[in-house]
PDB file of N, CA and C in Angstrom:
ATOM      1  N   MET A   1     -17.453 -44.784 -28.358  1.00  0.00           N
ATOM      2  CA  MET A   1     -17.736 -43.636 -28.083  1.00  0.00           C
ATOM      3  C   MET A   1     -17.304 -43.405 -26.871  1.00  0.00           C
ATOM      4  N   GLU A   2     -17.185 -44.666 -25.892  1.00  0.00           N
ATOM      5  CA  GLU A   2     -17.296 -44.325 -24.101  1.00  0.00           C
ATOM      6  C   GLU A   2     -15.640 -43.913 -24.038  1.00  0.00           C
ATOM      7  N   LEU A   3     -14.859 -44.421 -24.996  1.00  0.00           N
ATOM      8  CA  LEU A   3     -13.558 -43.418 -24.857  1.00  0.00           C
ATOM      9  C   LEU A   3     -13.276 -42.095 -25.320  1.00  0.00           C
ATOM     10  N   GLN A   4     -14.087 -41.862 -26.419  1.00  0.00           N
ATOM     11  CA  GLN A   4     -14.124 -40.531 -26.494  1.00  0.00           C
ATOM     12  C   GLN A   4     -14.810 -39.397 -25.135  1.00  0.00           C
ATOM     13  N   GLU A   5     -15.888 -39.828 -24.696  1.00  0.00           N
ATOM     14  CA  GLU A   5     -16.004 -39.341 -23.443  1.00  0.00           C
ATOM     15  C   GLU A   5     -15.368 -39.325 -22.127  1.00  0.00           C
ATOM     16  N   GLU A   6     -14.374 -40.171 -22.012  1.00  0.00           N
ATOM     17  CA  GLU A   6     -13.357 -40.091 -20.822  1.00  0.00           C
ATOM     18  C   GLU A   6     -12.417 -39.294 -21.252  1.00  0.00           C
ATOM     19  N   ASN A   7     -12.248 -38.952 -22.696  1.00  0.00           N
ATOM     20  CA  ASN A   7     -11.035 -38.112 -23.001  1.00  0.00           C
ATOM     21  C   ASN A   7     -11.776 -36.699 -22.537  1.00  0.00           C
ATOM     22  N   LYS A   8     -13.206 -36.558 -22.539  1.00  0.00           N
ATOM     23  CA  LYS A   8     -13.728 -34.856 -22.915  1.00  0.00           C
ATOM     24  C   LYS A   8     -13.029 -34.523 -21.350  1.00  0.00           C
ATOM     25  N   LYS A   9     -13.081 -33.124 -21.519  1.00  0.00           N
ATOM     26  CA  LYS A   9     -12.329 -32.350 -20.406  1.00  0.00           C
ATOM     27  C   LYS A   9     -13.405 -31.838 -19.995  1.00  0.00           C
ATOM     28  N   PRO A  10     -13.899 -31.599 -18.808  1.00  0.00           N
ATOM     29  CA  PRO A  10     -15.241 -30.835 -18.340  1.00  0.00           C
ATOM     30  C   PRO A  10     -14.844 -29.218 -18.396  1.00  0.00           C
ATOM     31  N   GLU A  11     -15.838 -28.877 -18.734  1.00  0.00           N
ATOM     32  CA  GLU A  11     -15.952 -27.215 -18.664  1.00  0.00           C
ATOM     33  C   GLU A  11     -15.908 -26.680 -17.578  1.00  0.00           C
ATOM     34  N   ILE A  12     -15.554 -25.143 -17.623  1.00  0.00           N
ATOM     35  CA  ILE A  12     -15.364 -24.465 -16.071  1.00  0.00           C
ATOM     36  C   ILE A  12     -16.060 -23.444 -17.139  1.00  0.00           C
ATOM     37  N   LYS A  13     -17.369 -22.905 -16.211  1.00  0.00           N
ATOM     38  CA  LYS A  13     -18.168 -21.567 -16.841  1.00  0.00           C
ATOM     39  C   LYS A  13     -17.743 -20.300 -15.784  1.00  0.00           C
ATOM     40  N   LEU A  14     -17.490 -19.676 -15.960  1.00  0.00           N
ATOM     41  CA  LEU A  14     -17.388 -18.082 -14.920  1.00  0.00           C
ATOM     42  C   LEU A  14     -18.433 -17.518 -14.882  1.00  0.00           C
ATOM     43  N   ILE A  15     -19.316 -17.560 -13.603  1.00  0.00           N
ATOM     44  CA  ILE A  15     -20.519 -16.829 -13.579  1.00  0.00           C
ATOM     45  C   ILE A  15     -20.486 -15.164 -13.186  1.00  0.00           C
ATOM     46  N   SER A  16     -19.598 -15.082 -12.115  1.00  0.00           N
ATOM     47  CA  SER A  16     -19.437 -13.421 -11.868  1.00  0.00           C
ATOM     48  C   SER A  16     -17.929 -13.732 -11.117  1.00  0.00           C
ATOM     49  N   TRP A  17     -17.453 -12.681 -10.906  1.00  0.00           N
ATOM     50  CA  TRP A  17     -16.211 -11.958 -10.789  1.00  0.00           C
ATOM     51  C   TRP A  17     -16.058 -11.094  -9.792  1.00  0.00           C
ATOM     52  N   ASP A  18     -15.543 -11.008  -8.571  1.00  0.00           N
ATOM     53  CA  ASP A  18     -15.677 -10.068  -7.831  1.00  0.00           C
ATOM     54  C   ASP A  18     -14.647  -9.622  -7.238  1.00  0.00           C
ATOM     55  N   LEU A  19     -13.616  -8.646  -7.490  1.00  0.00           N
ATOM     56  CA  LEU A  19     -12.311  -7.940  -7.164  1.00  0.00           C
ATOM     57  C   LEU A  19     -12.305  -7.196  -5.973  1.00  0.00           C
ATOM     58  N   VAL A  20     -11.495  -7.734  -5.215  1.00  0.00           N
ATOM     59  CA  VAL A  20     -11.045  -6.778  -4.147  1.00  0.00           C
ATOM     60  C   VAL A  20      -9.919  -6.600  -3.902  1.00  0.00           C
ATOM     61  N   GLY A  21      -9.376  -4.874  -3.496  1.00  0.00           N
ATOM     62  CA  GLY A  21      -8.374  -4.562  -3.664  1.00  0.00           C
ATOM     63  C   GLY A  21      -7.899  -3.972  -1.970  1.00  0.00           C
ATOM     64  N   ILE A  22      -6.716  -4.244  -1.712  1.00  0.00           N
ATOM     65  CA  ILE A  22      -6.513  -3.473  -0.067  1.00  0.00           C
ATOM     66  C   ILE A  22      -5.045  -2.738  -0.341  1.00  0.00           C
ATOM     67  N   TRP A  23      -5.478  -1.648   0.434  1.00  0.00           N
ATOM     68  CA  TRP A  23      -4.339  -0.673   0.064  1.00  0.00           C
ATOM     69  C   TRP A  23      -3.935   0.010   1.566  1.00  0.00           C
ATOM     70  N   SER A  24      -3.117   0.463   1.795  1.00  0.00           N
ATOM     71  CA  SER A  24      -2.417   0.921   3.392  1.00  0.00           C
ATOM     72  C   SER A  24      -1.500   1.914   3.071  1.00  0.00           C
ATOM     73  N   LEU A  25      -1.633   2.944   4.143  1.00  0.00           N
ATOM     74  CA  LEU A  25      -0.084   4.199   3.868  1.00  0.00           C
ATOM     75  C   LEU A  25       0.801   3.107   4.422  1.00  0.00           C
ATOM     76  N   ASP A  26       2.100   3.812   4.243  1.00  0.00           N
ATOM     77  CA  ASP A  26       3.155   3.189   5.129  1.00  0.00           C
ATOM     78  C   ASP A  26       3.541   4.188   6.315  1.00  0.00           C
ATOM     79  N   ILE A  27       2.664   4.153   7.361  1.00  0.00           N
ATOM     80  CA  ILE A  27       2.761   4.843   8.307  1.00  0.00           C
ATOM     81  C   ILE A  27       2.898   3.935   9.969  1.00  0.00           C
ATOM     82  N   GLN A  28       3.179   4.280  10.825  1.00  0.00           N
ATOM     83  CA  GLN A  28       3.276   3.727  12.070  1.00  0.00           C
ATOM     84  C   GLN A  28       1.889   3.517  12.773  1.00  0.00           C
ATOM     85  N   ILE A  29       1.043   4.459  12.468  1.00  0.00           N
ATOM     86  CA  ILE A  29      -0.067   4.521  13.385  1.00  0.00           C
ATOM     87  C   ILE A  29      -1.237   3.807  12.726  1.00  0.00           C
ATOM     88  N   GLU A  30      -2.020   2.867  13.296  1.00  0.00           N
ATOM     89  CA  GLU A  30      -2.715   1.902  12.327  1.00  0.00           C
ATOM     90  C   GLU A  30      -4.302   2.419  13.296  1.00  0.00           C
ATOM     91  N   THR A  31      -4.550   3.155  14.151  1.00  0.00           N
ATOM     92  CA  THR A  31      -5.640   2.815  14.673  1.00  0.00           C
ATOM     93  C   THR A  31      -5.742   4.753  15.226  1.00  0.00           C
ATOM     94  N   CYS A  32      -7.111   5.055  14.662  1.00  0.00           N
ATOM     95  CA  CYS A  32      -7.414   6.417  15.673  1.00  0.00           C
ATOM     96  C   CYS A  32      -7.644   6.207  16.610  1.00  0.00           C
ATOM     97  N   ALA A  33      -7.008   7.193  17.570  1.00  0.00           N
ATOM     98  CA  ALA A  33      -7.006   7.051  19.050  1.00  0.00           C
ATOM     99  C   ALA A  33      -7.909   7.276  19.282  1.00  0.00           C
ATOM    100  N   ILE A  34      -8.721   8.296  18.918  1.00  0.00           N
ATOM    101  CA  ILE A  34     -10.087   8.788  18.919  1.00  0.00           C
ATOM    102  C   ILE A  34     -11.372   7.824  19.260  1.00  0.00           C
ATOM    103  N   CYS A  35     -11.646   7.361  18.037  1.00  0.00           N
ATOM    104  CA  CYS A  35     -12.575   6.548  17.656  1.00  0.00           C
ATOM    105  C   CYS A  35     -12.315   5.347  17.621  1.00  0.00           C
ATOM    106  N   ARG A  36     -11.097   4.614  17.822  1.00  0.00           N
ATOM    107  CA  ARG A  36     -10.722   3.550  17.774  1.00  0.00           C
ATOM    108  C   ARG A  36     -10.561   2.278  16.304  1.00  0.00           C
ATOM    109  N   ASN A  37     -11.145   3.055  15.441  1.00  0.00           N
ATOM    110  CA  ASN A  37     -10.882   2.625  14.256  1.00  0.00           C
ATOM    111  C   ASN A  37     -10.006   2.587  13.600  1.00  0.00           C
ATOM    112  N   HIS A  38      -9.538   1.554  12.642  1.00  0.00           N
ATOM    113  CA  HIS A  38      -8.470   1.463  11.505  1.00  0.00           C
ATOM    114  C   HIS A  38      -8.040   2.841  11.157  1.00  0.00           C
ATOM    115  N   ILE A  39      -7.141   3.236  11.173  1.00  0.00           N
ATOM    116  CA  ILE A  39      -6.937   4.587  10.743  1.00  0.00           C
ATOM    117  C   ILE A  39      -7.328   4.912   9.242  1.00  0.00           C
ATOM    118  N   MET A  40      -7.262   3.791   8.266  1.00  0.00           N
ATOM    119  CA  MET A  40      -7.690   3.569   6.855  1.00  0.00           C
ATOM    120  C   MET A  40      -9.301   3.331   6.729  1.00  0.00           C
ATOM    121  N   ASP A  41      -9.850   2.662   7.592  1.00  0.00           N
ATOM    122  CA  ASP A  41     -11.336   2.854   7.438  1.00  0.00           C
ATOM    123  C   ASP A  41     -11.991   4.205   7.790  1.00  0.00           C
ATOM    124  N   THR A  42     -13.159   4.202   7.685  1.00  0.00           N
ATOM    125  CA  THR A  42     -13.834   5.268   7.955  1.00  0.00           C
ATOM    126  C   THR A  42     -14.499   5.413   9.545  1.00  0.00           C
ATOM    127  N   CYS A  43     -13.950   6.811   9.719  1.00  0.00           N
ATOM    128  CA  CYS A  43     -14.524   7.156  11.477  1.00  0.00           C
ATOM    129  C   CYS A  43     -15.999   7.021  11.444  1.00  0.00           C
ATOM    130  N   VAL A  44     -16.412   6.941  12.763  1.00  0.00           N
ATOM    131  CA  VAL A  44     -17.862   6.432  13.377  1.00  0.00           C
ATOM    132  C   VAL A  44     -18.930   7.100  12.968  1.00  0.00           C
ATOM    133  N   GLU A  45     -18.561   8.652  12.723  1.00  0.00           N
ATOM    134  CA  GLU A  45     -19.538   9.544  12.111  1.00  0.00           C
ATOM    135  C   GLU A  45     -19.735   9.174  10.982  1.00  0.00           C
ATOM    136  N   CYS A  46     -18.745   8.936   9.902  1.00  0.00           N
ATOM    137  CA  CYS A  46     -18.946   8.562   8.625  1.00  0.00           C
ATOM    138  C   CYS A  46     -19.935   7.242   8.537  1.00  0.00           C
ATOM    139  N   GLN A  47     -19.488   6.133   9.560  1.00  0.00           N
ATOM    140  CA  GLN A  47     -20.185   4.717   9.180  1.00  0.00           C
ATOM    141  C   GLN A  47     -21.653   4.998   9.637  1.00  0.00           C
ATOM    142  N   ASN A  48     -21.957   6.145  10.513  1.00  0.00           N
ATOM    143  CA  ASN A  48     -23.277   6.281  10.994  1.00  0.00           C
ATOM    144  C   ASN A  48     -24.067   7.334   9.794  1.00  0.00           C
ATOM    145  N   GLY A  49     -23.378   7.585   8.739  1.00  0.00           N
ATOM    146  CA  GLY A  49     -23.986   8.412   8.112  1.00  0.00           C
ATOM    147  C   GLY A  49     -24.115   9.856   8.176  1.00  0.00           C
ATOM    148  N   ILE A  50     -23.457  10.124   9.785  1.00  0.00           N
ATOM    149  CA  ILE A  50     -23.380  11.647  10.131  1.00  0.00           C
ATOM    150  C   ILE A  50     -22.490  12.489   8.957  1.00  0.00           C
ATOM    151  N   GLY A  51     -20.795  12.006   8.871  1.00  0.00           N
ATOM    152  CA  GLY A  51     -20.642  12.912   7.776  1.00  0.00           C
ATOM    153  C   GLY A  51     -20.949  12.679   6.480  1.00  0.00           C
ATOM    154  N   ALA A  52     -21.977  12.404   5.910  1.00  0.00           N
ATOM    155  CA  ALA A  52     -22.446  11.736   4.806  1.00  0.00           C
ATOM    156  C   ALA A  52     -22.290  13.071   3.707  1.00  0.00           C
ATOM    157  N   GLY A  53     -21.427  12.231   2.534  1.00  0.00           N
ATOM    158  CA  GLY A  53     -21.089  13.361   1.901  1.00  0.00           C
ATOM    159  C   GLY A  53     -19.684  13.893   1.667  1.00  0.00           C
ATOM    160  N   GLU A  54     -19.217  13.837   2.886  1.00  0.00           N
ATOM    161  CA  GLU A  54     -17.938  14.003   2.977  1.00  0.00           C
ATOM    162  C   GLU A  54     -16.920  13.039   2.747  1.00  0.00           C
ATOM    163  N   GLU A  55     -15.690  12.983   2.698  1.00  0.00           N
ATOM    164  CA  GLU A  55     -14.347  12.191   2.199  1.00  0.00           C
ATOM    165  C   GLU A  55     -13.835  12.137   3.922  1.00  0.00           C
ATOM    166  N   CYS A  56     -13.655  10.920   4.742  1.00  0.00           N
ATOM    167  CA  CYS A  56     -13.303  10.570   5.459  1.00  0.00           C
ATOM    168  C   CYS A  56     -11.690  10.514   5.391  1.00  0.00           C
ATOM    169  N   ASN A  57     -11.326  11.739   6.054  1.00  0.00           N
ATOM    170  CA  ASN A  57      -9.450  12.067   5.716  1.00  0.00           C
ATOM    171  C   ASN A  57      -8.963  11.682   6.822  1.00  0.00           C
ATOM    172  N   ILE A  58      -7.922  11.981   6.856  1.00  0.00           N
ATOM    173  CA  ILE A  58      -6.327  11.443   7.915  1.00  0.00           C
ATOM    174  C   ILE A  58      -5.781  13.081   8.286  1.00  0.00           C
ATOM    175  N   SER A  59      -6.310  13.359   9.029  1.00  0.00           N
ATOM    176  CA  SER A  59      -5.034  15.096   9.577  1.00  0.00           C
ATOM    177  C   SER A  59      -4.137  14.495  10.634  1.00  0.00           C
ATOM    178  N   TRP A  60      -2.994  14.944  10.106  1.00  0.00           N
ATOM    179  CA  TRP A  60      -1.658  14.928  10.936  1.00  0.00           C
ATOM    180  C   TRP A  60      -1.366  16.216  12.134  1.00  0.00           C
ATOM    181  N   GLY A  61      -0.798  16.098  12.774  1.00  0.00           N
ATOM    182  CA  GLY A  61      -0.374  17.045  13.514  1.00  0.00           C
ATOM    183  C   GLY A  61       1.111  17.279  13.780  1.00  0.00           C
ATOM    184  N   LYS A  62       1.668  18.499  14.029  1.00  0.00           N
ATOM    185  CA  LYS A  62       3.130  18.444  13.999  1.00  0.00           C
ATOM    186  C   LYS A  62       3.629  17.731  15.201  1.00  0.00           C
ATOM    187  N   CYS A  63       2.905  16.979  16.498  1.00  0.00           N
ATOM    188  CA  CYS A  63       3.702  15.915  16.991  1.00  0.00           C
ATOM    189  C   CYS A  63       3.914  14.825  16.308  1.00  0.00           C
ATOM    190  N   GLY A  64       3.339  14.142  15.379  1.00  0.00           N
ATOM    191  CA  GLY A  64       3.410  13.180  14.308  1.00  0.00           C
ATOM    192  C   GLY A  64       2.284  12.264  14.716  1.00  0.00           C
ATOM    193  N   HIS A  65       1.481  12.816  15.209  1.00  0.00           N
ATOM    194  CA  HIS A  65       0.230  11.825  15.785  1.00  0.00           C
ATOM    195  C   HIS A  65      -0.957  12.149  14.621  1.00  0.00           C
ATOM    196  N   ALA A  66      -1.588  10.860  14.120  1.00  0.00           N
ATOM    197  CA  ALA A  66      -2.765  10.995  13.062  1.00  0.00           C
ATOM    198  C   ALA A  66      -4.135  10.649  13.670  1.00  0.00           C
ATOM    199  N   PHE A  67      -5.332  11.166  13.018  1.00  0.00           N
ATOM    200  CA  PHE A  67      -6.820  10.934  13.476  1.00  0.00           C
ATOM    201  C   PHE A  67      -7.377  10.999  12.534  1.00  0.00           C
ATOM    202  N   HIS A  68      -8.609  10.338  12.140  1.00  0.00           N
ATOM    203  CA  HIS A  68      -9.667  10.999  11.454  1.00  0.00           C
ATOM    204  C   HIS A  68     -10.095  12.545  11.491  1.00  0.00           C
ATOM    205  N   THR A  69     -10.212  13.154  10.285  1.00  0.00           N
ATOM    206  CA  THR A  69     -10.306  14.881  10.439  1.00  0.00           C
ATOM    207  C   THR A  69     -11.582  15.036  11.412  1.00  0.00           C
ATOM    208  N   HIS A  70     -12.654  14.118  11.314  1.00  0.00           N
ATOM    209  CA  HIS A  70     -13.676  14.565  11.688  1.00  0.00           C
ATOM    210  C   HIS A  70     -13.554  14.061  13.509  1.00  0.00           C
ATOM    211  N   CYS A  71     -12.841  13.279  13.949  1.00  0.00           N
ATOM    212  CA  CYS A  71     -12.823  12.595  15.094  1.00  0.00           C
ATOM    213  C   CYS A  71     -11.792  14.111  15.559  1.00  0.00           C
ATOM    214  N   ILE A  72     -10.971  14.207  15.104  1.00  0.00           N
ATOM    215  CA  ILE A  72      -9.922  15.322  16.120  1.00  0.00           C
ATOM    216  C   ILE A  72     -10.517  16.703  15.793  1.00  0.00           C
ATOM    217  N   GLY A  73     -11.166  17.014  14.780  1.00  0.00           N
ATOM    218  CA  GLY A  73     -12.104  18.197  14.585  1.00  0.00           C
ATOM    219  C   GLY A  73     -13.078  18.656  15.769  1.00  0.00           C
ATOM    220  N   ARG A  74     -13.888  17.184  16.295  1.00  0.00           N
ATOM    221  CA  ARG A  74     -14.627  16.983  17.454  1.00  0.00           C
ATOM    222  C   ARG A  74     -14.190  17.598  18.362  1.00  0.00           C
ATOM    223  N   TRP A  75     -12.828  16.775  18.815  1.00  0.00           N
ATOM    224  CA  TRP A  75     -11.897  16.889  19.974  1.00  0.00           C
ATOM    225  C   TRP A  75     -11.586  18.434  19.979  1.00  0.00           C
ATOM    226  N   LEU A  76     -11.429  18.890  19.172  1.00  0.00           N
ATOM    227  CA  LEU A  76     -10.434  20.468  19.256  1.00  0.00           C
ATOM    228  C   LEU A  76     -11.776  21.616  19.567  1.00  0.00           C
ATOM    229  N   ASN A  77     -13.203  21.079  19.281  1.00  0.00           N
ATOM    230  CA  ASN A  77     -13.927  21.735  19.888  1.00  0.00           C
ATOM    231  C   ASN A  77     -14.157  22.263  21.338  1.00  0.00           C
ATOM    232  N   SER A  78     -13.375  21.278  22.405  1.00  0.00           N
ATOM    233  CA  SER A  78     -13.627  21.168  23.253  1.00  0.00           C
ATOM    234  C   SER A  78     -12.201  21.744  23.922  1.00  0.00           C
ATOM    235  N   ARG A  79     -10.980  21.110  23.402  1.00  0.00           N
ATOM    236  CA  ARG A  79      -9.689  21.449  23.851  1.00  0.00           C
ATOM    237  C   ARG A  79      -8.387  21.413  22.767  1.00  0.00           C
ATOM    238  N   ASN A  80      -8.036  22.297  22.715  1.00  0.00           N
ATOM    239  CA  ASN A  80      -6.757  22.663  21.542  1.00  0.00           C
ATOM    240  C   ASN A  80      -5.331  21.719  21.713  1.00  0.00           C
ATOM    241  N   ILE A  81      -5.042  20.607  22.263  1.00  0.00           N
ATOM    242  CA  ILE A  81      -4.385  19.851  22.445  1.00  0.00           C
ATOM    243  C   ILE A  81      -4.467  18.692  21.852  1.00  0.00           C
ATOM    244  N   CYS A  82      -3.089  17.640  21.700  1.00  0.00           N
ATOM    245  CA  CYS A  82      -3.235  16.608  21.094  1.00  0.00           C
ATOM    246  C   CYS A  82      -3.963  15.845  21.876  1.00  0.00           C
ATOM    247  N   PRO A  83      -4.595  14.586  21.754  1.00  0.00           N
ATOM    248  CA  PRO A  83      -5.248  13.716  22.695  1.00  0.00           C
ATOM    249  C   PRO A  83      -4.110  12.648  23.152  1.00  0.00           C
ATOM    250  N   LEU A  84      -2.997  12.392  22.417  1.00  0.00           N
ATOM    251  CA  LEU A  84      -2.221  11.468  22.995  1.00  0.00           C
ATOM    252  C   LEU A  84      -1.060  11.995  23.757  1.00  0.00           C
ATOM    253  N   ASP A  85      -0.330  13.099  23.551  1.00  0.00           N
ATOM    254  CA  ASP A  85       0.398  13.667  24.488  1.00  0.00           C
ATOM    255  C   ASP A  85       0.380  15.241  24.781  1.00  0.00           C
ATOM    256  N   THR A  86      -0.947  15.284  24.766  1.00  0.00           N
ATOM    257  CA  THR A  86      -1.295  16.710  25.413  1.00  0.00           C
ATOM    258  C   THR A  86      -0.413  18.159  25.139  1.00  0.00           C
ATOM    259  N   GLN A  87       0.890  18.051  23.663  1.00  0.00           N
ATOM    260  CA  GLN A  87       0.743  19.255  23.034  1.00  0.00           C
ATOM    261  C   GLN A  87       0.048  20.114  22.609  1.00  0.00           C
ATOM    262  N   PRO A  88       0.374  21.601  22.072  1.00  0.00           N
ATOM    263  CA  PRO A  88      -0.690  22.188  21.517  1.00  0.00           C
ATOM    264  C   PRO A  88      -1.094  21.841  20.204  1.00  0.00           C
ATOM    265  N   TRP A  89      -2.277  21.513  19.548  1.00  0.00           N
ATOM    266  CA  TRP A  89      -2.699  20.968  18.148  1.00  0.00           C
ATOM    267  C   TRP A  89      -2.055  21.612  17.241  1.00  0.00           C
ATOM    268  N   ILE A  90      -1.610  21.477  16.050  1.00  0.00           N
ATOM    269  CA  ILE A  90      -0.919  22.207  15.077  1.00  0.00           C
ATOM    270  C   ILE A  90      -1.138  21.282  14.153  1.00  0.00           C
ATOM    271  N   TYR A  91      -1.945  21.475  12.950  1.00  0.00           N
ATOM    272  CA  TYR A  91      -1.785  20.578  11.847  1.00  0.00           C
ATOM    273  C   TYR A  91      -0.856  20.487  10.711  1.00  0.00           C
ATOM    274  N   GLU A  92      -0.572  19.541  10.339  1.00  0.00           N
ATOM    275  CA  GLU A  92       0.671  19.472   9.715  1.00  0.00           C
ATOM    276  C   GLU A  92       0.130  18.926   8.018  1.00  0.00           C
ATOM    277  N   ASN A  93       0.565  19.291   7.002  1.00  0.00           N
ATOM    278  CA  ASN A  93      -0.133  18.868   5.570  1.00  0.00           C
ATOM    279  C   ASN A  93       1.209  17.657   5.366  1.00  0.00           C
ATOM    280  N   ARG A  94       0.665  16.506   5.216  1.00  0.00           N
ATOM    281  CA  ARG A  94       1.248  15.321   4.554  1.00  0.00           C
ATOM    282  C   ARG A  94       0.778  14.853   3.076  1.00  0.00           C
ATOM    283  N   SER A  95       1.764  14.386   2.688  1.00  0.00           N
ATOM    284  CA  SER A  95       1.124  13.306   1.282  1.00  0.00           C
ATOM    285  C   SER A  95       1.063  12.150   1.720  1.00  0.00           C
ATOM    286  N   LEU A  96       0.878  11.434   0.345  1.00  0.00           N
ATOM    287  CA  LEU A  96       0.849  10.052   1.015  1.00  0.00           C
ATOM    288  C   LEU A  96       1.907   9.468   1.712  1.00  0.00           C
ATOM    289  N   ASP A  97       3.123   9.769   1.209  1.00  0.00           N
ATOM    290  CA  ASP A  97       4.343   9.175   1.478  1.00  0.00           C
ATOM    291  C   ASP A  97       4.918   9.924   2.918  1.00  0.00           C
ATOM    292  N   ASN A  98       4.128  10.810   3.507  1.00  0.00           N
ATOM    293  CA  ASN A  98       4.608  11.300   4.808  1.00  0.00           C
ATOM    294  C   ASN A  98       5.771  12.350   4.611  1.00  0.00           C
ATOM    295  N   LYS A  99       5.690  13.091   3.634  1.00  0.00           N
ATOM    296  CA  LYS A  99       6.281  13.884   3.817  1.00  0.00           C
ATOM    297  C   LYS A  99       5.930  15.532   3.575  1.00  0.00           C
ATOM    298  N   LYS A 100       6.241  16.594   3.960  1.00  0.00           N
ATOM    299  CA  LYS A 100       5.808  17.485   3.732  1.00  0.00           C
ATOM    300  C   LYS A 100       5.446  17.793   3.010  1.00  0.00           C
ATOM    301  N   MET A 101       4.065  18.474   1.856  1.00  0.00           N
ATOM    302  CA  MET A 101       3.718  18.932   1.242  1.00  0.00           C
ATOM    303  C   MET A 101       4.059  19.996   0.635  1.00  0.00           C
ATOM    304  N   GLN A 102       4.292  20.486  -0.691  1.00  0.00           N
ATOM    305  CA  GLN A 102       4.550  22.300  -0.873  1.00  0.00           C
ATOM    306  C   GLN A 102       3.417  22.966  -0.552  1.00  0.00           C
ATOM    307  N   GLN A 103       3.397  23.849  -0.164  1.00  0.00           N
ATOM    308  CA  GLN A 103       2.612  24.799   0.173  1.00  0.00           C
ATOM    309  C   GLN A 103       2.670  25.968  -0.681  1.00  0.00           C
TER     310      GLN A 103
END
């Protein structure tokens, strides 16, 4: 019997399994220059529950800069220029592959 016990393989039982996924856009901009959070993360408003119920989207300007929609919205309430290059802010619609969307 001792020989059979030595040949017995240990059993592994799976108790739980947590899946983790990471994704990102293929973009040069990594952080929102207004709130300093990663552009793929939520903005400060959403983290604090102020923007609850809304999606934390990314807004692009014609100048090529991207910000969280909540962040650039607050910025544009006081001045209508891009925070990085001071050009007049004009929204540009972009899809996930950074090409202009059909309007």
